[in-house]
Amino acid sequence: MKQHKNILLVMLAAVALFQLTACKKELEDVVPQDAISKDLILTDPNAAQTLYNGAYSLFRSSNSTFYQLGEMRSEIWTDGLFTESADAGLQNLNRHNISALNVPFGNWGGFYNMIYNLNSIIKLFPQTTLPAVTRNTELAEIYGLRAYVYYTMLKTWGSVPLTTEPIETINNAFDTYKKRTVTDSIMIQVKADIEKSLQLFGSSNVIPSGKRVYWNRIATLTLKGDVYLWSGTQMGGGNADFTIAKTVLQEVQSLQGATLNLAANYADIFDPTKKPNNPEIIFAINYELQQATTGVFGSFQVNGIQATTLSFAQAATPLVSTTYPYVNGSNRVGMNQAMITRLTSGPADQRISNSFKVLYSNTTPYAVRGVLLTKWLGVVSGTSQVYNNDYPVYRYADVLLLMAEAKAKLGQDPSAEINQIRQRAYGAGYTPYVNGSIDNNIKAILEEYLKEFIGEGKRWWALRRAGDTYVYANINPTYLSPVSTAKLLLPISTSMLNNDPLLIQTQGY
């Protein structure tokens, strides 16, 4: 990633809006840093670039939240087997143990810290001394990032406070209050940001050479397809929105070639040594040795002591500690036996073998003890495990399955896209999918989503985007059923309601 330095952001006081809502009495002590910082950014290209790089740093800091919101409410990890005590927070998500008094993400998940940074860039960059090409490209990226963040918030909470301007001064507590904006208006803003991003990118579909860790036009096109499928299904857009999604995803498909394609070897997508110009990656969150490494998946690993008592086969060997001598996490999340059987039965699937491994006791009767998520284990450096896998936000497999979804919802044949995914997974002898009813097509697409994106924060959103019927068909009704419809969205905390009199609770809570 481009060199990142800490800087006082243009609207430091604005960060306090959602990060320090409990400290209203101290607002009079907050001194906005707009004068010096703003002048510096407008006159010094290096300062402007620092602000821009800070946006990516903040996006990376939200990786855990993005992941949990998109994955942990799905059925993948519900009631799983694991070797240590449960991660209570993650267990609450997959059991949907959520209420107005048990809120999994306070402060809107911390996203407004990032939004104010993005707003500052959008406000100030047109006035900077950066070269026009650089300025427009980076603004296009920032509009894409803001659309992605607001889209994630819309899917999570429905209506959320909408702010597109940085706050330069805070004169009193009332200045920090912000009511929730209706979902339709949030979606309008998301779509407007997408169009602004495309406008600023122009016709350039270039993904910068090297690691694909900067937003780009292809990422915006993919997001647009994703968004219009959501609005078509969940917000009444219907076939008109599905048609837009199909059109934009076709544009991405037309770019398929040496620089944009499925990787022949599934493991290569995540291999830290194969990041540069990885053809499958469209946009990923960057992690590097001596910069930042991912700590998102510690609860999906195993500690060093237990690794000496666990094996990867129903036998005494190979021990986990022999295969991964330096992996040291805490195995507090796992899959249940039904999910393990579902994913490991049938023909060999390189997605499964390169996503997780089943853990067995190394003594008879060699019982299943859990799973180890291997997709994000990084590399060995000396005597340490370095978790430096980049985390894909969008990759070419997303494009194919989103396109399959658009076709299915339009009553068209999605088999071509499904079969590209299947052929990579199973090899030349794969069983081709044959077009069926809309319902059967959607189910087939969801089955590929399940296997393709384990541990990538996609499954819950795929179920929600498919439609509520598919959510209830896949989630344990003990935890989520049509009688608990409100739980499809998340509540906000009591402290948020107490600190902002304009806020109201999510409907149903």
Protein backbone atom coordinates (compact mmCIF):
# COMPACT_ATOMS: atom_id res chain seq x y z
CA MET A 1 0.00 0.00 0.00
CA LYS A 2 1.18 3.54 -0.59
CA GLN A 3 3.12 4.98 2.32
CA HIS A 4 0.76 5.87 5.16
CA LYS A 5 1.46 8.42 7.88
CA ASN A 6 -0.73 9.50 10.75
CA ILE A 7 -2.24 12.95 10.30
CA LEU A 8 -4.79 15.10 12.05
CA LEU A 9 -7.71 14.69 9.70
CA VAL A 10 -9.42 17.77 8.41
CA MET A 11 -12.42 17.35 10.63
CA LEU A 12 -11.01 15.79 13.76
CA ALA A 13 -13.99 17.07 15.73
CA ALA A 14 -16.31 15.27 13.35
CA VAL A 15 -14.80 11.95 14.39
CA ALA A 16 -16.04 12.71 17.88
CA LEU A 17 -19.59 12.75 16.57
CA PHE A 18 -19.94 8.99 16.71
CA GLN A 19 -16.77 7.87 18.46
CA LEU A 20 -17.21 10.03 21.54
CA THR A 21 -20.97 10.46 21.83
CA ALA A 22 -20.82 9.70 25.54
CA CYS A 23 -18.66 12.76 26.16
CA LYS A 24 -21.02 15.59 25.24
CA LYS A 25 -20.05 17.59 28.29
CA GLU A 26 -16.54 17.79 26.85
CA LEU A 27 -17.61 19.20 23.49
CA GLU A 28 -16.67 22.70 24.49
CA ASP A 29 -13.12 21.43 24.92
CA VAL A 30 -12.89 20.10 21.37
CA VAL A 31 -10.81 22.34 19.13
CA PRO A 32 -11.44 21.60 15.44
CA GLN A 33 -8.25 21.21 13.44
CA ASP A 34 -9.76 22.57 10.23
CA ALA A 35 -7.66 25.74 9.80
CA ILE A 36 -4.15 24.29 9.71
CA SER A 37 -5.03 20.90 8.29
CA LYS A 38 -7.31 22.24 5.60
CA ASP A 39 -4.77 24.81 4.41
CA LEU A 40 -2.06 22.16 4.34
CA ILE A 41 -4.15 19.73 2.34
CA LEU A 42 -5.15 22.38 -0.16
CA THR A 43 -1.58 23.55 -0.72
CA ASP A 44 0.60 20.50 -0.15
CA PRO A 45 0.05 17.47 -2.43
CA ASN A 46 1.82 15.24 0.08
CA ALA A 47 -0.69 16.17 2.78
CA ALA A 48 -3.55 15.48 0.37
CA GLN A 49 -2.06 12.07 -0.40
CA THR A 50 -1.74 11.34 3.30
CA LEU A 51 -5.44 12.03 3.77
CA TYR A 52 -6.21 9.77 0.80
CA ASN A 53 -4.05 6.93 2.12
CA GLY A 54 -5.72 7.33 5.49
CA ALA A 55 -9.03 6.35 3.89
CA TYR A 56 -7.60 2.95 2.97
CA SER A 57 -6.13 2.54 6.43
CA LEU A 58 -9.54 3.21 7.97
CA PHE A 59 -11.20 0.82 5.52
CA ARG A 60 -8.72 -1.87 6.56
CA SER A 61 -9.42 -1.19 10.23
CA SER A 62 -13.07 -2.13 9.56
CA ASN A 63 -12.18 -5.50 8.02
CA SER A 64 -13.36 -7.46 11.06
CA THR A 65 -16.70 -5.65 11.07
CA PHE A 66 -17.20 -6.12 7.32
CA TYR A 67 -16.43 -9.82 7.73
CA GLN A 68 -18.66 -10.43 10.72
CA LEU A 69 -21.61 -8.56 9.20
CA GLY A 70 -21.40 -10.57 5.98
CA GLU A 71 -20.65 -14.03 7.32
CA MET A 72 -21.36 -14.72 10.95
CA ARG A 73 -25.13 -14.48 10.73
CA SER A 74 -25.22 -17.20 8.06
CA GLU A 75 -25.53 -20.92 8.75
CA ILE A 76 -21.86 -21.75 8.12
CA TRP A 77 -20.68 -21.46 11.72
CA THR A 78 -23.89 -22.12 13.66
CA ASP A 79 -23.54 -24.52 16.62
CA GLY A 80 -20.15 -25.63 15.39
CA LEU A 81 -17.54 -27.84 16.99
CA PHE A 82 -14.50 -26.13 18.48
CA THR A 83 -11.76 -26.99 20.93
CA GLU A 84 -11.92 -24.04 23.32
CA SER A 85 -14.65 -21.97 24.93
CA ALA A 86 -17.00 -20.25 22.49
CA ASP A 87 -16.36 -16.78 21.16
CA ALA A 88 -19.50 -15.37 22.74
CA GLY A 89 -19.83 -12.40 20.43
CA LEU A 90 -19.57 -14.46 17.26
CA GLN A 91 -21.86 -17.10 18.72
CA ASN A 92 -24.49 -14.45 19.40
CA LEU A 93 -24.36 -13.55 15.72
CA ASN A 94 -24.75 -17.04 14.32
CA ARG A 95 -27.46 -17.85 16.86
CA HIS A 96 -29.15 -14.50 16.18
CA ASN A 97 -29.14 -13.81 19.91
CA ILE A 98 -29.81 -10.16 19.21
CA SER A 99 -32.11 -7.70 20.93
CA ALA A 100 -32.35 -4.06 21.97
CA LEU A 101 -30.40 -5.05 25.08
CA ASN A 102 -27.92 -7.29 23.25
CA VAL A 103 -26.63 -5.16 20.38
CA PRO A 104 -23.69 -6.70 18.51
CA PHE A 105 -22.38 -3.49 16.95
CA GLY A 106 -22.65 -0.17 18.77
CA ASN A 107 -21.82 3.23 17.29
CA TRP A 108 -22.94 2.10 13.82
CA GLY A 109 -20.02 -0.32 13.72
CA GLY A 110 -17.59 2.59 13.85
CA PHE A 111 -18.23 3.34 10.17
CA TYR A 112 -18.76 7.09 10.61
CA ASN A 113 -15.13 7.61 11.47
CA MET A 114 -14.37 6.42 7.95
CA ILE A 115 -17.30 8.27 6.36
CA TYR A 116 -16.12 11.61 7.72
CA ASN A 117 -12.68 10.95 6.31
CA LEU A 118 -14.21 10.11 2.92
CA ASN A 119 -16.43 13.21 3.09
CA SER A 120 -13.40 15.37 3.79
CA ILE A 121 -11.58 14.03 0.74
CA ILE A 122 -14.62 14.52 -1.49
CA LYS A 123 -15.01 18.08 -0.22
CA LEU A 124 -11.37 19.14 -0.44
CA PHE A 125 -9.76 17.23 -3.30
CA PRO A 126 -11.31 19.31 -6.11
CA GLN A 127 -9.50 22.31 -4.59
CA THR A 128 -6.08 20.69 -4.11
CA THR A 129 -2.97 21.18 -6.22
CA LEU A 130 -2.84 17.51 -7.19
CA PRO A 131 -2.58 16.81 -10.94
CA ALA A 132 -6.04 16.55 -12.46
CA VAL A 133 -5.66 12.90 -13.49
CA THR A 134 -4.52 11.89 -10.01
CA ARG A 135 -7.21 13.96 -8.33
CA ASN A 136 -10.04 12.53 -10.45
CA THR A 137 -8.86 8.94 -10.15
CA GLU A 138 -8.52 9.14 -6.40
CA LEU A 139 -11.86 10.89 -6.03
CA ALA A 140 -13.42 8.12 -8.13
CA GLU A 141 -11.97 5.59 -5.69
CA ILE A 142 -13.28 7.49 -2.68
CA TYR A 143 -16.81 7.73 -4.09
CA GLY A 144 -16.68 3.98 -4.66
CA LEU A 145 -15.54 3.33 -1.11
CA ARG A 146 -18.25 5.58 0.34
CA ALA A 147 -20.91 3.81 -1.73
CA TYR A 148 -19.65 0.46 -0.44
CA VAL A 149 -19.73 1.60 3.20
CA TYR A 150 -23.21 3.11 3.02
CA TYR A 151 -24.45 0.03 1.15
CA THR A 152 -23.11 -2.17 3.94
CA MET A 153 -24.82 0.03 6.54
CA LEU A 154 -28.11 -0.02 4.62
CA LYS A 155 -28.05 -3.82 4.51
CA THR A 156 -27.23 -3.97 8.21
CA TRP A 157 -29.50 -1.37 9.83
CA GLY A 158 -31.84 -0.22 7.07
CA SER A 159 -32.20 3.50 7.75
CA VAL A 160 -29.05 5.18 9.06
CA PRO A 161 -27.94 8.80 9.47
CA LEU A 162 -26.91 10.17 6.10
CA THR A 163 -24.14 12.72 6.01
CA THR A 164 -22.16 13.66 2.93
CA GLU A 165 -20.46 16.78 4.25
CA PRO A 166 -17.64 17.03 6.79
CA ILE A 167 -18.43 18.89 10.00
CA GLU A 168 -15.98 21.73 10.39
CA THR A 169 -17.12 23.04 13.76
CA ILE A 170 -19.15 21.80 16.69
CA ASN A 171 -20.73 24.62 18.67
CA ASN A 172 -22.92 22.59 20.99
CA ALA A 173 -24.25 19.10 21.58
CA PHE A 174 -27.15 19.64 19.18
CA ASP A 175 -24.65 19.85 16.32
CA THR A 176 -23.82 16.19 16.88
CA TYR A 177 -27.42 14.93 16.65
CA LYS A 178 -28.43 13.20 13.44
CA LYS A 179 -31.68 11.36 12.75
CA ARG A 180 -31.91 8.20 10.68
CA THR A 181 -32.53 8.72 6.96
CA VAL A 182 -35.07 6.46 5.28
CA THR A 183 -33.66 3.47 3.42
CA ASP A 184 -34.79 4.68 0.00
CA SER A 185 -32.78 7.88 0.42
CA ILE A 186 -29.70 5.93 1.51
CA MET A 187 -29.99 3.77 -1.60
CA ILE A 188 -30.36 6.87 -3.78
CA GLN A 189 -27.11 8.18 -2.28
CA VAL A 190 -25.34 4.87 -2.81
CA LYS A 191 -26.36 4.80 -6.46
CA ALA A 192 -25.41 8.47 -6.92
CA ASP A 193 -21.95 7.79 -5.49
CA ILE A 194 -21.56 4.84 -7.85
CA GLU A 195 -22.43 6.99 -10.84
CA LYS A 196 -20.05 9.75 -9.69
CA SER A 197 -17.30 7.16 -9.31
CA LEU A 198 -17.89 5.88 -12.85
CA GLN A 199 -17.98 9.42 -14.22
CA LEU A 200 -14.64 10.29 -12.64
CA PHE A 201 -13.00 7.04 -13.73
CA GLY A 202 -14.08 7.74 -17.30
CA SER A 203 -13.54 4.82 -19.65
CA SER A 204 -10.42 3.48 -17.95
CA ASN A 205 -10.75 -0.09 -16.72
CA VAL A 206 -7.11 -0.28 -15.73
CA ILE A 207 -6.40 -2.02 -12.45
CA PRO A 208 -3.12 -0.51 -11.25
CA SER A 209 -0.19 -2.85 -11.79
CA GLY A 210 0.94 -4.75 -8.71
CA LYS A 211 -1.17 -5.63 -5.71
CA ARG A 212 -4.83 -4.90 -6.34
CA VAL A 213 -5.48 -2.96 -3.18
CA TYR A 214 -6.92 0.25 -4.58
CA TRP A 215 -10.52 0.69 -5.64
CA ASN A 216 -10.96 0.86 -9.42
CA ARG A 217 -13.62 1.18 -12.10
CA ILE A 218 -14.18 -2.58 -12.30
CA ALA A 219 -14.82 -2.60 -8.53
CA THR A 220 -17.41 0.16 -9.00
CA LEU A 221 -19.10 -1.78 -11.80
CA THR A 222 -19.20 -4.92 -9.66
CA LEU A 223 -20.61 -2.96 -6.73
CA LYS A 224 -23.26 -1.50 -9.04
CA GLY A 225 -24.36 -4.98 -10.06
CA ASP A 226 -24.47 -6.04 -6.41
CA VAL A 227 -26.45 -2.95 -5.37
CA TYR A 228 -29.05 -3.21 -8.13
CA LEU A 229 -29.65 -6.88 -7.37
CA TRP A 230 -30.31 -5.86 -3.76
CA SER A 231 -32.63 -2.99 -4.66
CA GLY A 232 -34.39 -5.18 -7.20
CA THR A 233 -35.07 -7.88 -4.60
CA GLN A 234 -35.39 -6.01 -1.32
CA MET A 235 -36.59 -2.55 -2.36
CA GLY A 236 -39.13 -3.14 -5.11
CA GLY A 237 -36.91 -2.40 -8.11
CA GLY A 238 -37.79 -5.71 -9.75
CA ASN A 239 -36.84 -6.53 -13.32
CA ALA A 240 -35.78 -2.97 -14.14
CA ASP A 241 -33.06 -3.14 -11.50
CA PHE A 242 -32.15 -6.74 -12.39
CA THR A 243 -31.68 -5.64 -16.00
CA ILE A 244 -29.34 -2.83 -14.95
CA ALA A 245 -27.37 -5.31 -12.84
CA LYS A 246 -27.10 -7.73 -15.76
CA THR A 247 -25.96 -4.99 -18.16
CA VAL A 248 -23.23 -3.69 -15.90
CA LEU A 249 -21.99 -7.17 -15.02
CA GLN A 250 -21.89 -8.05 -18.72
CA GLU A 251 -19.55 -5.09 -19.15
CA VAL A 252 -17.21 -6.60 -16.57
CA GLN A 253 -17.48 -10.04 -18.18
CA SER A 254 -16.49 -8.52 -21.51
CA LEU A 255 -13.13 -7.66 -19.93
CA GLN A 256 -12.39 -11.28 -19.06
CA GLY A 257 -8.89 -12.19 -20.23
CA ALA A 258 -5.34 -12.52 -19.00
CA THR A 259 -5.67 -9.70 -16.45
CA LEU A 260 -9.20 -10.50 -15.23
CA ASN A 261 -10.23 -14.10 -14.87
CA LEU A 262 -10.75 -17.00 -12.52
CA ALA A 263 -7.44 -18.28 -11.19
CA ALA A 264 -6.99 -21.86 -12.38
CA ASN A 265 -5.76 -22.85 -8.93
CA TYR A 266 -8.16 -21.71 -6.20
CA ALA A 267 -5.39 -21.47 -3.60
CA ASP A 268 -3.56 -18.90 -5.73
CA ILE A 269 -6.29 -16.34 -5.05
CA PHE A 270 -5.22 -16.09 -1.41
CA ASP A 271 -1.50 -16.90 -1.68
CA PRO A 272 0.47 -13.97 -0.20
CA THR A 273 3.33 -14.70 -2.60
CA LYS A 274 1.04 -14.30 -5.64
CA LYS A 275 -0.54 -10.93 -4.93
CA PRO A 276 0.97 -8.89 -7.78
CA ASN A 277 -1.39 -8.80 -10.77
CA ASN A 278 -3.48 -11.68 -9.44
CA PRO A 279 -6.07 -11.99 -12.26
CA GLU A 280 -8.95 -12.96 -9.99
CA ILE A 281 -8.66 -10.03 -7.59
CA ILE A 282 -10.63 -6.89 -8.37
CA PHE A 283 -10.13 -5.11 -5.05
CA ALA A 284 -8.67 -6.44 -1.81
CA ILE A 285 -7.73 -5.14 1.64
CA ASN A 286 -3.96 -5.17 1.93
CA TYR A 287 -1.95 -6.87 4.68
CA GLU A 288 1.83 -7.00 4.77
CA LEU A 289 4.65 -8.09 7.05
CA GLN A 290 5.92 -5.11 9.06
CA GLN A 291 2.91 -3.04 8.06
CA ALA A 292 -0.34 -4.65 9.20
CA THR A 293 -1.39 -8.28 9.40
CA THR A 294 -4.88 -9.62 9.79
CA GLY A 295 -6.07 -10.56 13.26
CA VAL A 296 -9.64 -11.15 12.10
CA PHE A 297 -9.51 -14.94 12.14
CA GLY A 298 -7.76 -15.80 15.41
CA SER A 299 -10.89 -17.55 16.73
CA PHE A 300 -10.90 -19.83 13.67
CA GLN A 301 -7.39 -21.20 14.32
CA VAL A 302 -5.98 -23.39 17.09
CA ASN A 303 -3.56 -22.83 19.94
CA GLY A 304 -0.09 -24.32 19.92
CA ILE A 305 -0.64 -26.72 22.81
CA GLN A 306 -3.83 -28.21 21.42
CA ALA A 307 -2.21 -28.51 18.00
CA THR A 308 -0.11 -31.33 19.48
CA THR A 309 -3.26 -33.33 20.33
CA LEU A 310 -5.11 -32.84 17.05
CA SER A 311 -4.61 -34.37 13.62
CA PHE A 312 -5.87 -33.80 10.11
CA ALA A 313 -6.94 -37.43 9.60
CA GLN A 314 -8.71 -40.10 11.60
CA ALA A 315 -5.37 -41.42 12.76
CA ALA A 316 -2.59 -40.39 15.10
CA THR A 317 -0.92 -38.34 12.37
CA PRO A 318 -0.41 -35.92 10.73
CA LEU A 319 -0.49 -33.70 13.77
CA VAL A 320 -1.67 -30.15 13.33
CA SER A 321 1.50 -28.97 15.07
CA THR A 322 3.62 -30.75 12.46
CA THR A 323 1.79 -29.24 9.51
CA TYR A 324 1.43 -25.75 11.02
CA PRO A 325 4.09 -25.44 13.74
CA TYR A 326 3.70 -21.69 14.25
CA VAL A 327 -0.06 -21.18 13.96
CA ASN A 328 -1.34 -20.07 17.35
CA GLY A 329 -4.91 -18.87 17.68
CA SER A 330 -7.91 -19.93 19.72
CA ASN A 331 -10.32 -22.43 18.21
CA ARG A 332 -13.52 -20.79 19.45
CA VAL A 333 -15.64 -21.00 16.28
CA GLY A 334 -16.37 -24.03 14.15
CA MET A 335 -18.76 -25.82 11.82
CA ASN A 336 -21.29 -28.35 13.00
CA GLN A 337 -21.03 -31.92 11.78
CA ALA A 338 -23.89 -31.51 9.29
CA MET A 339 -22.10 -28.57 7.64
CA ILE A 340 -18.78 -30.41 7.62
CA THR A 341 -20.45 -33.40 5.95
CA ARG A 342 -22.26 -31.19 3.46
CA LEU A 343 -19.06 -29.47 2.38
CA THR A 344 -16.70 -32.46 2.36
CA SER A 345 -18.96 -35.09 0.78
CA GLY A 346 -19.07 -35.74 -2.94
CA PRO A 347 -16.40 -35.09 -5.58
CA ALA A 348 -13.15 -33.44 -4.56
CA ASP A 349 -13.61 -29.68 -4.54
CA GLN A 350 -10.46 -27.56 -4.46
CA ARG A 351 -12.39 -24.74 -2.76
CA ILE A 352 -13.06 -26.91 0.28
CA SER A 353 -9.57 -28.38 0.56
CA ASN A 354 -8.09 -24.89 0.34
CA SER A 355 -10.51 -23.20 2.75
CA PHE A 356 -10.50 -25.33 5.91
CA LYS A 357 -9.32 -28.62 7.35
CA VAL A 358 -11.21 -30.90 9.72
CA LEU A 359 -9.61 -31.38 13.13
CA TYR A 360 -9.67 -34.84 14.71
CA SER A 361 -8.51 -36.10 18.06
CA ASN A 362 -5.26 -38.01 17.61
CA THR A 363 -6.43 -40.81 19.88
CA THR A 364 -9.12 -43.41 19.25
CA PRO A 365 -11.89 -43.12 18.25
CA TYR A 366 -10.42 -40.09 16.44
CA ALA A 367 -13.50 -37.97 16.95
CA VAL A 368 -14.10 -34.78 15.01
CA ARG A 369 -13.07 -31.87 17.23
CA GLY A 370 -13.64 -28.90 14.92
CA VAL A 371 -12.21 -27.21 11.84
CA LEU A 372 -9.21 -25.00 11.16
CA LEU A 373 -9.86 -22.16 8.70
CA THR A 374 -6.70 -22.36 6.57
CA LYS A 375 -7.57 -19.78 3.92
CA TRP A 376 -5.97 -16.93 5.87
CA LEU A 377 -2.90 -18.54 7.45
CA GLY A 378 -0.38 -16.48 5.49
CA VAL A 379 3.25 -17.55 5.38
CA VAL A 380 6.00 -18.70 7.73
CA SER A 381 8.73 -16.15 8.36
CA GLY A 382 11.53 -17.64 10.43
CA THR A 383 9.78 -19.13 13.43
CA SER A 384 6.62 -17.05 13.14
CA GLN A 385 3.34 -17.34 11.26
CA VAL A 386 2.70 -14.09 9.39
CA TYR A 387 -0.97 -13.49 8.55
CA ASN A 388 -0.40 -11.43 5.43
CA ASN A 389 -3.08 -12.70 3.05
CA ASP A 390 -4.92 -9.89 1.31
CA TYR A 391 -8.67 -10.01 1.97
CA PRO A 392 -10.71 -9.83 -1.28
CA VAL A 393 -13.66 -7.46 -1.26
CA TYR A 394 -14.53 -8.31 -4.86
CA ARG A 395 -13.00 -10.94 -7.14
CA TYR A 396 -13.98 -12.29 -10.52
CA ALA A 397 -15.96 -15.17 -9.00
CA ASP A 398 -18.24 -12.48 -7.50
CA VAL A 399 -18.93 -11.15 -10.98
CA LEU A 400 -19.90 -14.59 -12.32
CA LEU A 401 -22.24 -15.45 -9.46
CA LEU A 402 -23.79 -11.98 -9.41
CA MET A 403 -24.39 -12.34 -13.14
CA ALA A 404 -25.90 -15.78 -12.62
CA GLU A 405 -28.19 -14.24 -10.00
CA ALA A 406 -29.27 -11.44 -12.33
CA LYS A 407 -30.08 -13.91 -15.09
CA ALA A 408 -31.95 -16.23 -12.73
CA LYS A 409 -34.09 -13.39 -11.37
CA LEU A 410 -34.91 -12.34 -14.92
CA GLY A 411 -36.01 -15.90 -15.71
CA GLN A 412 -32.97 -16.50 -17.92
CA ASP A 413 -30.41 -19.31 -18.02
CA PRO A 414 -27.54 -18.84 -15.49
CA SER A 415 -25.82 -22.13 -16.25
CA ALA A 416 -22.85 -20.64 -18.15
CA GLU A 417 -21.68 -18.65 -15.14
CA ILE A 418 -22.44 -21.44 -12.65
CA ASN A 419 -20.47 -23.88 -14.77
CA GLN A 420 -17.41 -21.63 -14.97
CA ILE A 421 -17.36 -21.69 -11.18
CA ARG A 422 -17.95 -25.44 -11.04
CA GLN A 423 -15.33 -26.29 -13.63
CA ARG A 424 -12.65 -24.46 -11.68
CA ALA A 425 -13.79 -26.16 -8.47
CA TYR A 426 -14.03 -29.76 -9.64
CA GLY A 427 -11.85 -29.92 -12.75
CA ALA A 428 -12.56 -31.16 -16.25
CA GLY A 429 -14.83 -33.96 -15.04
CA TYR A 430 -17.25 -31.63 -13.29
CA THR A 431 -21.00 -32.19 -13.55
CA PRO A 432 -22.45 -29.28 -15.56
CA TYR A 433 -25.43 -27.47 -14.15
CA VAL A 434 -28.53 -27.55 -16.33
CA ASN A 435 -30.93 -24.60 -16.33
CA GLY A 436 -34.02 -25.16 -14.20
CA SER A 437 -36.79 -23.19 -12.55
CA ILE A 438 -36.03 -19.78 -11.05
CA ASP A 439 -36.12 -21.33 -7.59
CA ASN A 440 -33.78 -24.17 -8.54
CA ASN A 441 -31.41 -21.75 -10.23
CA ILE A 442 -31.24 -19.50 -7.16
CA LYS A 443 -30.63 -22.53 -4.94
CA ALA A 444 -27.81 -23.69 -7.21
CA ILE A 445 -26.23 -20.23 -7.12
CA LEU A 446 -26.46 -20.12 -3.33
CA GLU A 447 -24.80 -23.53 -3.11
CA GLU A 448 -21.86 -22.22 -5.12
CA TYR A 449 -21.74 -19.09 -2.94
CA LEU A 450 -21.52 -21.29 0.14
CA LYS A 451 -18.52 -23.23 -1.13
CA GLU A 452 -16.78 -20.48 -3.06
CA PHE A 453 -16.64 -17.82 -0.34
CA ILE A 454 -16.14 -19.64 2.98
CA GLY A 455 -14.55 -17.17 5.38
CA GLU A 456 -14.92 -14.19 3.00
CA GLY A 457 -17.92 -12.42 4.53
CA LYS A 458 -20.33 -13.12 1.65
CA ARG A 459 -22.79 -15.84 2.67
CA TRP A 460 -25.25 -13.80 4.79
CA TRP A 461 -25.45 -11.09 2.15
CA ALA A 462 -25.98 -13.68 -0.59
CA LEU A 463 -28.91 -15.16 1.32
CA ARG A 464 -30.40 -11.74 2.03
CA ARG A 465 -29.98 -10.58 -1.55
CA ALA A 466 -31.58 -13.78 -2.86
CA GLY A 467 -34.68 -12.98 -0.80
CA ASP A 468 -36.08 -13.56 2.66
CA THR A 469 -37.48 -16.98 1.69
CA TYR A 470 -33.95 -18.25 1.14
CA VAL A 471 -32.77 -16.81 4.44
CA TYR A 472 -35.40 -18.71 6.39
CA ALA A 473 -34.83 -21.88 4.35
CA ASN A 474 -31.15 -21.97 5.34
CA ILE A 475 -31.00 -20.55 8.88
CA ASN A 476 -31.91 -22.76 11.85
CA PRO A 477 -35.52 -21.76 12.66
CA THR A 478 -34.68 -22.04 16.35
CA TYR A 479 -32.66 -18.87 15.89
CA LEU A 480 -34.35 -17.08 12.99
CA SER A 481 -37.78 -17.60 11.48
CA PRO A 482 -40.46 -15.51 9.73
CA VAL A 483 -41.92 -14.64 13.12
CA SER A 484 -38.66 -12.83 13.95
CA THR A 485 -38.46 -10.76 10.76
CA ALA A 486 -37.09 -7.76 12.66
CA LYS A 487 -33.85 -9.64 13.23
CA LEU A 488 -32.92 -9.37 9.58
CA LEU A 489 -31.74 -5.88 10.52
CA LEU A 490 -29.74 -4.96 13.61
CA PRO A 491 -30.84 -2.79 16.53
CA ILE A 492 -28.94 0.19 17.88
CA SER A 493 -27.76 0.43 21.46
CA THR A 494 -29.41 2.13 24.41
CA SER A 495 -26.42 4.42 24.80
CA MET A 496 -26.82 5.61 21.20
CA LEU A 497 -30.50 6.37 21.85
CA ASN A 498 -29.66 8.15 25.11
CA ASN A 499 -26.90 10.22 23.53
CA ASP A 500 -28.89 11.37 20.51
CA PRO A 501 -32.57 12.30 21.03
CA LEU A 502 -33.16 12.33 17.26
CA LEU A 503 -32.42 8.62 16.92
CA ILE A 504 -35.14 5.99 17.03
CA GLN A 505 -34.73 2.26 17.48
CA THR A 506 -34.71 -0.09 14.48
CA GLN A 507 -38.28 -1.14 13.74
CA GLY A 508 -39.23 -4.36 15.50
CA TYR A 509 -36.90 -3.90 18.46
